[in-house]
Amino acid sequence: MTTTPFQVTTPRLTIPVGPDDHTFGPASAPVSLVEYGDFQCPYCAMAHVILHDLLRLRRETVRYTFRHFPLTNVHPYADLAAEVAEAAGVRGAFWPMRDWLFANQAGINPRRLMVGVERLGLPSAEVGDEVGAHLYLDRVRRDLVGGVRSGVAGTPTFFVNGIRHDGGYALDDLLEAVDEAAETVQRHNEHAP
């Protein structure tokens, strides 16, 4: 009887970053960092602070993308928070809303979300109507399904140049992953015809 060796492959990003994604950083950056996150996840809030430092330290190296992965079984308002972020995004305020959501994570509930909308100077009645009608829920679900297909099981989950990062998300861990990816791209470019 012969046996076939079991081969383990690292999950890859199944849906490439596109124009509908929320991205930050230069389009020419050699490293694409995609995060699947949940606005009520305490680990995502910790990673949020770390990502600010990472993006400051590797400003020209990283293009960062945030995708929704609301874990509604443990975070009851995660979907709603993602929809509010999308409503803010339509108005050019996705990133400030994202920052506000993570800074005010402990108190997220429907009423508090509208406080954030008002604090950012967005039209709360309009946003409230859109979120109430679940205008952005398909967008949130699309991110979630793409995450599941890419092997995301929890938050935060990161992909570095399309490959799931299974290491830690402390600053040193992410810097190492980003620098390694940038070096790989540089070596590849040096050997390209």
C-alpha atoms as a PDB file:
ATOM      1  CA  MET A   1       0.000   0.000   0.000  1.00  0.00           C
ATOM      2  CA  THR A   2       1.396   3.381  -0.956  1.00  0.00           C
ATOM      3  CA  THR A   3       0.521   6.572   0.793  1.00  0.00           C
ATOM      4  CA  THR A   4       0.400  10.022  -0.600  1.00  0.00           C
ATOM      5  CA  PRO A   5       2.088  12.650   1.539  1.00  0.00           C
ATOM      6  CA  PHE A   6      -0.380  15.106   2.995  1.00  0.00           C
ATOM      7  CA  GLN A   7       0.325  18.529   1.582  1.00  0.00           C
ATOM      8  CA  VAL A   8      -0.697  21.609   3.510  1.00  0.00           C
ATOM      9  CA  THR A   9      -1.113  24.812   1.561  1.00  0.00           C
ATOM     10  CA  THR A  10      -1.502  28.248   3.011  1.00  0.00           C
ATOM     11  CA  PRO A  11      -4.861  29.812   2.131  1.00  0.00           C
ATOM     12  CA  ARG A  12      -4.835  32.556  -0.468  1.00  0.00           C
ATOM     13  CA  LEU A  13      -6.995  35.586  -1.047  1.00  0.00           C
ATOM     14  CA  THR A  14      -9.643  34.435  -3.512  1.00  0.00           C
ATOM     15  CA  ILE A  15     -11.021  37.870  -4.415  1.00  0.00           C
ATOM     16  CA  PRO A  16      -8.283  40.271  -5.498  1.00  0.00           C
ATOM     17  CA  VAL A  17      -8.304  43.843  -4.252  1.00  0.00           C
ATOM     18  CA  GLY A  18     -10.413  45.947  -6.596  1.00  0.00           C
ATOM     19  CA  PRO A  19     -11.770  49.454  -7.053  1.00  0.00           C
ATOM     20  CA  ASP A  20     -14.706  48.833  -4.679  1.00  0.00           C
ATOM     21  CA  ASP A  21     -12.398  48.013  -1.775  1.00  0.00           C
ATOM     22  CA  HIS A  22     -11.445  50.467   0.957  1.00  0.00           C
ATOM     23  CA  THR A  23      -7.719  50.950   0.398  1.00  0.00           C
ATOM     24  CA  PHE A  24      -5.127  53.235   1.875  1.00  0.00           C
ATOM     25  CA  GLY A  25      -1.593  53.794   0.613  1.00  0.00           C
ATOM     26  CA  PRO A  26       0.141  54.099  -2.741  1.00  0.00           C
ATOM     27  CA  ALA A  27      -1.187  51.980  -5.621  1.00  0.00           C
ATOM     28  CA  SER A  28       2.433  51.289  -6.578  1.00  0.00           C
ATOM     29  CA  ALA A  29       3.302  49.792  -3.168  1.00  0.00           C
ATOM     30  CA  PRO A  30       5.050  46.420  -3.472  1.00  0.00           C
ATOM     31  CA  VAL A  31       3.053  44.950  -0.575  1.00  0.00           C
ATOM     32  CA  SER A  32      -0.704  44.543  -0.392  1.00  0.00           C
ATOM     33  CA  LEU A  33      -1.950  44.025   3.158  1.00  0.00           C
ATOM     34  CA  VAL A  34      -5.609  42.970   3.397  1.00  0.00           C
ATOM     35  CA  GLU A  35      -7.354  42.741   6.751  1.00  0.00           C
ATOM     36  CA  TYR A  36     -10.641  41.002   7.414  1.00  0.00           C
ATOM     37  CA  GLY A  37     -11.997  42.659  10.533  1.00  0.00           C
ATOM     38  CA  ASP A  38     -14.966  43.136  12.834  1.00  0.00           C
ATOM     39  CA  PHE A  39     -15.653  46.517  14.465  1.00  0.00           C
ATOM     40  CA  GLN A  40     -16.696  44.880  17.758  1.00  0.00           C
ATOM     41  CA  CYS A  41     -13.713  42.515  17.939  1.00  0.00           C
ATOM     42  CA  PRO A  42     -11.299  43.592  20.713  1.00  0.00           C
ATOM     43  CA  TYR A  43      -8.373  41.981  18.873  1.00  0.00           C
ATOM     44  CA  CYS A  44      -9.190  44.038  15.770  1.00  0.00           C
ATOM     45  CA  ALA A  45      -9.143  47.168  17.938  1.00  0.00           C
ATOM     46  CA  MET A  46      -5.673  46.217  19.188  1.00  0.00           C
ATOM     47  CA  ALA A  47      -4.538  45.528  15.621  1.00  0.00           C
ATOM     48  CA  HIS A  48      -5.989  48.891  14.535  1.00  0.00           C
ATOM     49  CA  VAL A  49      -3.492  50.741  16.745  1.00  0.00           C
ATOM     50  CA  ILE A  50      -0.637  48.568  15.481  1.00  0.00           C
ATOM     51  CA  LEU A  51      -1.639  49.148  11.855  1.00  0.00           C
ATOM     52  CA  HIS A  52      -1.375  52.920  12.336  1.00  0.00           C
ATOM     53  CA  ASP A  53       2.270  52.428  13.328  1.00  0.00           C
ATOM     54  CA  LEU A  54       2.918  49.928  10.531  1.00  0.00           C
ATOM     55  CA  LEU A  55       1.481  52.245   7.880  1.00  0.00           C
ATOM     56  CA  ARG A  56       3.483  55.162   9.248  1.00  0.00           C
ATOM     57  CA  LEU A  57       6.725  53.139   9.249  1.00  0.00           C
ATOM     58  CA  ARG A  58       6.157  51.543   5.812  1.00  0.00           C
ATOM     59  CA  ARG A  59       4.307  54.406   4.137  1.00  0.00           C
ATOM     60  CA  GLU A  60       5.655  53.709   0.629  1.00  0.00           C
ATOM     61  CA  THR A  61       5.792  49.932   1.004  1.00  0.00           C
ATOM     62  CA  VAL A  62       2.236  48.987   1.998  1.00  0.00           C
ATOM     63  CA  ARG A  63      -1.161  49.412   0.394  1.00  0.00           C
ATOM     64  CA  TYR A  64      -3.687  48.485   3.089  1.00  0.00           C
ATOM     65  CA  THR A  65      -7.225  47.205   2.466  1.00  0.00           C
ATOM     66  CA  PHE A  66      -9.941  46.708   5.057  1.00  0.00           C
ATOM     67  CA  ARG A  67     -12.710  44.169   4.465  1.00  0.00           C
ATOM     68  CA  HIS A  68     -15.659  43.361   6.702  1.00  0.00           C
ATOM     69  CA  PHE A  69     -15.923  40.045   8.538  1.00  0.00           C
ATOM     70  CA  PRO A  70     -18.604  40.639  11.170  1.00  0.00           C
ATOM     71  CA  LEU A  71     -18.804  37.815  13.708  1.00  0.00           C
ATOM     72  CA  THR A  72     -22.458  38.354  14.536  1.00  0.00           C
ATOM     73  CA  ASN A  73     -22.710  35.251  16.693  1.00  0.00           C
ATOM     74  CA  VAL A  74     -20.501  36.954  19.306  1.00  0.00           C
ATOM     75  CA  HIS A  75     -20.773  40.634  18.309  1.00  0.00           C
ATOM     76  CA  PRO A  76     -24.461  41.568  17.909  1.00  0.00           C
ATOM     77  CA  TYR A  77     -23.872  44.990  16.326  1.00  0.00           C
ATOM     78  CA  ALA A  78     -20.957  44.076  14.055  1.00  0.00           C
ATOM     79  CA  ASP A  79     -23.134  43.997  10.919  1.00  0.00           C
ATOM     80  CA  LEU A  80     -24.722  47.309  11.828  1.00  0.00           C
ATOM     81  CA  ALA A  81     -21.334  48.919  12.488  1.00  0.00           C
ATOM     82  CA  ALA A  82     -20.071  47.663   9.115  1.00  0.00           C
ATOM     83  CA  GLU A  83     -23.146  49.093   7.392  1.00  0.00           C
ATOM     84  CA  VAL A  84     -22.594  52.455   9.106  1.00  0.00           C
ATOM     85  CA  ALA A  85     -18.961  52.409   7.946  1.00  0.00           C
ATOM     86  CA  GLU A  86     -20.168  51.744   4.390  1.00  0.00           C
ATOM     87  CA  ALA A  87     -22.672  54.602   4.605  1.00  0.00           C
ATOM     88  CA  ALA A  88     -19.817  56.831   5.754  1.00  0.00           C
ATOM     89  CA  GLY A  89     -17.660  55.481   2.916  1.00  0.00           C
ATOM     90  CA  VAL A  90     -20.207  56.561   0.315  1.00  0.00           C
ATOM     91  CA  ARG A  91     -19.713  60.053   1.724  1.00  0.00           C
ATOM     92  CA  GLY A  92     -15.900  59.844   1.632  1.00  0.00           C
ATOM     93  CA  ALA A  93     -15.560  59.187   5.357  1.00  0.00           C
ATOM     94  CA  PHE A  94     -14.895  55.436   5.621  1.00  0.00           C
ATOM     95  CA  TRP A  95     -11.472  55.833   7.286  1.00  0.00           C
ATOM     96  CA  PRO A  96     -12.561  58.428   9.898  1.00  0.00           C
ATOM     97  CA  MET A  97     -15.600  56.265  10.710  1.00  0.00           C
ATOM     98  CA  ARG A  98     -13.385  53.188  11.007  1.00  0.00           C
ATOM     99  CA  ASP A  99     -11.148  55.084  13.441  1.00  0.00           C
ATOM    100  CA  TRP A 100     -14.176  56.262  15.447  1.00  0.00           C
ATOM    101  CA  LEU A 101     -15.668  52.752  15.597  1.00  0.00           C
ATOM    102  CA  PHE A 102     -12.491  51.220  16.975  1.00  0.00           C
ATOM    103  CA  ALA A 103     -11.936  54.095  19.429  1.00  0.00           C
ATOM    104  CA  ASN A 104     -15.513  53.744  20.731  1.00  0.00           C
ATOM    105  CA  GLN A 105     -15.841  50.005  20.399  1.00  0.00           C
ATOM    106  CA  ALA A 106     -16.929  49.272  23.967  1.00  0.00           C
ATOM    107  CA  GLY A 107     -20.136  51.257  23.614  1.00  0.00           C
ATOM    108  CA  ILE A 108     -21.267  50.225  20.145  1.00  0.00           C
ATOM    109  CA  ASN A 109     -25.030  49.975  19.873  1.00  0.00           C
ATOM    110  CA  PRO A 110     -27.532  51.450  17.390  1.00  0.00           C
ATOM    111  CA  ARG A 111     -27.905  54.787  19.205  1.00  0.00           C
ATOM    112  CA  ARG A 112     -24.152  55.187  19.802  1.00  0.00           C
ATOM    113  CA  LEU A 113     -23.446  54.496  16.125  1.00  0.00           C
ATOM    114  CA  MET A 114     -25.559  57.527  15.199  1.00  0.00           C
ATOM    115  CA  VAL A 115     -23.533  59.606  17.676  1.00  0.00           C
ATOM    116  CA  GLY A 116     -20.444  58.673  15.664  1.00  0.00           C
ATOM    117  CA  VAL A 117     -22.165  59.625  12.427  1.00  0.00           C
ATOM    118  CA  GLU A 118     -23.045  63.037  13.892  1.00  0.00           C
ATOM    119  CA  ARG A 119     -19.552  63.555  15.339  1.00  0.00           C
ATOM    120  CA  LEU A 120     -18.127  63.094  11.838  1.00  0.00           C
ATOM    121  CA  GLY A 121     -20.565  65.680  10.502  1.00  0.00           C
ATOM    122  CA  LEU A 122     -22.486  63.185   8.387  1.00  0.00           C
ATOM    123  CA  PRO A 123     -26.264  63.451   7.870  1.00  0.00           C
ATOM    124  CA  SER A 124     -27.540  61.163  10.631  1.00  0.00           C
ATOM    125  CA  ALA A 125     -31.153  60.964   9.407  1.00  0.00           C
ATOM    126  CA  GLU A 126     -29.999  59.975   5.913  1.00  0.00           C
ATOM    127  CA  VAL A 127     -27.469  57.442   7.202  1.00  0.00           C
ATOM    128  CA  GLY A 128     -30.030  56.080   9.657  1.00  0.00           C
ATOM    129  CA  ASP A 129     -32.554  55.547   6.835  1.00  0.00           C
ATOM    130  CA  GLU A 130     -29.980  53.850   4.604  1.00  0.00           C
ATOM    131  CA  VAL A 131     -28.747  51.560   7.373  1.00  0.00           C
ATOM    132  CA  GLY A 132     -32.325  50.844   8.459  1.00  0.00           C
ATOM    133  CA  ALA A 133     -33.092  49.739   4.896  1.00  0.00           C
ATOM    134  CA  HIS A 134     -29.865  47.649   4.882  1.00  0.00           C
ATOM    135  CA  LEU A 135     -28.687  49.440   1.752  1.00  0.00           C
ATOM    136  CA  TYR A 136     -25.087  48.317   2.370  1.00  0.00           C
ATOM    137  CA  LEU A 137     -25.657  44.825   3.753  1.00  0.00           C
ATOM    138  CA  ASP A 138     -24.913  43.155   0.386  1.00  0.00           C
ATOM    139  CA  ARG A 139     -21.535  44.923   0.339  1.00  0.00           C
ATOM    140  CA  VAL A 140     -20.751  43.685   3.852  1.00  0.00           C
ATOM    141  CA  ARG A 141     -21.891  40.145   2.977  1.00  0.00           C
ATOM    142  CA  ARG A 142     -19.709  40.138  -0.161  1.00  0.00           C
ATOM    143  CA  ASP A 143     -16.643  40.805   1.993  1.00  0.00           C
ATOM    144  CA  LEU A 144     -17.718  38.105   4.449  1.00  0.00           C
ATOM    145  CA  VAL A 145     -18.231  35.464   1.736  1.00  0.00           C
ATOM    146  CA  GLY A 146     -14.888  36.366   0.132  1.00  0.00           C
ATOM    147  CA  GLY A 147     -13.247  35.950   3.529  1.00  0.00           C
ATOM    148  CA  VAL A 148     -14.798  32.536   4.090  1.00  0.00           C
ATOM    149  CA  ARG A 149     -13.640  31.426   0.629  1.00  0.00           C
ATOM    150  CA  SER A 150     -10.153  32.652   1.481  1.00  0.00           C
ATOM    151  CA  GLY A 151      -9.936  30.624   4.681  1.00  0.00           C
ATOM    152  CA  VAL A 152     -10.809  33.353   7.191  1.00  0.00           C
ATOM    153  CA  ALA A 153     -12.202  31.867  10.386  1.00  0.00           C
ATOM    154  CA  GLY A 154     -11.689  34.702  12.883  1.00  0.00           C
ATOM    155  CA  THR A 155     -10.675  38.311  13.188  1.00  0.00           C
ATOM    156  CA  PRO A 156      -8.370  39.940  12.528  1.00  0.00           C
ATOM    157  CA  THR A 157      -7.048  37.896   9.616  1.00  0.00           C
ATOM    158  CA  PHE A 158      -4.386  39.372   7.367  1.00  0.00           C
ATOM    159  CA  PHE A 159      -3.239  38.534   3.849  1.00  0.00           C
ATOM    160  CA  VAL A 160       0.176  39.721   2.696  1.00  0.00           C
ATOM    161  CA  ASN A 161       0.436  39.841  -1.093  1.00  0.00           C
ATOM    162  CA  GLY A 162      -2.484  37.455  -1.310  1.00  0.00           C
ATOM    163  CA  ILE A 163      -1.182  34.825   1.125  1.00  0.00           C
ATOM    164  CA  ARG A 164      -2.766  34.448   4.565  1.00  0.00           C
ATOM    165  CA  HIS A 165      -0.450  35.628   7.318  1.00  0.00           C
ATOM    166  CA  ASP A 166      -0.619  32.983  10.017  1.00  0.00           C
ATOM    167  CA  GLY A 167       1.856  34.715  12.316  1.00  0.00           C
ATOM    168  CA  GLY A 168       1.060  37.191  15.040  1.00  0.00           C
ATOM    169  CA  TYR A 169      -0.103  40.724  14.496  1.00  0.00           C
ATOM    170  CA  ALA A 170       2.208  42.500  16.908  1.00  0.00           C
ATOM    171  CA  LEU A 171       4.082  45.311  15.177  1.00  0.00           C
ATOM    172  CA  ASP A 172       7.305  43.297  14.899  1.00  0.00           C
ATOM    173  CA  ASP A 173       5.440  40.327  13.387  1.00  0.00           C
ATOM    174  CA  LEU A 174       3.688  42.451  10.770  1.00  0.00           C
ATOM    175  CA  LEU A 175       6.848  44.427   9.974  1.00  0.00           C
ATOM    176  CA  GLU A 176       8.708  41.173   9.402  1.00  0.00           C
ATOM    177  CA  ALA A 177       5.959  39.833   7.111  1.00  0.00           C
ATOM    178  CA  VAL A 178       5.774  43.090   5.140  1.00  0.00           C
ATOM    179  CA  ASP A 179       9.557  43.416   4.791  1.00  0.00           C
ATOM    180  CA  GLU A 180       9.869  39.794   3.696  1.00  0.00           C
ATOM    181  CA  ALA A 181       7.150  40.277   1.072  1.00  0.00           C
ATOM    182  CA  ALA A 182       8.774  43.490  -0.173  1.00  0.00           C
ATOM    183  CA  GLU A 183      12.143  41.712  -0.495  1.00  0.00           C
ATOM    184  CA  THR A 184      10.512  38.869  -2.438  1.00  0.00           C
ATOM    185  CA  VAL A 185       8.939  41.356  -4.859  1.00  0.00           C
ATOM    186  CA  GLN A 186      12.261  43.187  -5.234  1.00  0.00           C
ATOM    187  CA  ARG A 187      14.148  39.928  -5.967  1.00  0.00           C
ATOM    188  CA  HIS A 188      11.510  38.916  -8.469  1.00  0.00           C
ATOM    189  CA  ASN A 189      11.727  42.305 -10.215  1.00  0.00           C
ATOM    190  CA  GLU A 190      15.534  42.116 -10.353  1.00  0.00           C
ATOM    191  CA  HIS A 191      15.366  38.723 -12.094  1.00  0.00           C
ATOM    192  CA  ALA A 192      12.505  39.586 -14.434  1.00  0.00           C
ATOM    193  CA  PRO A 193      13.462  39.853 -18.120  1.00  0.00           C
END
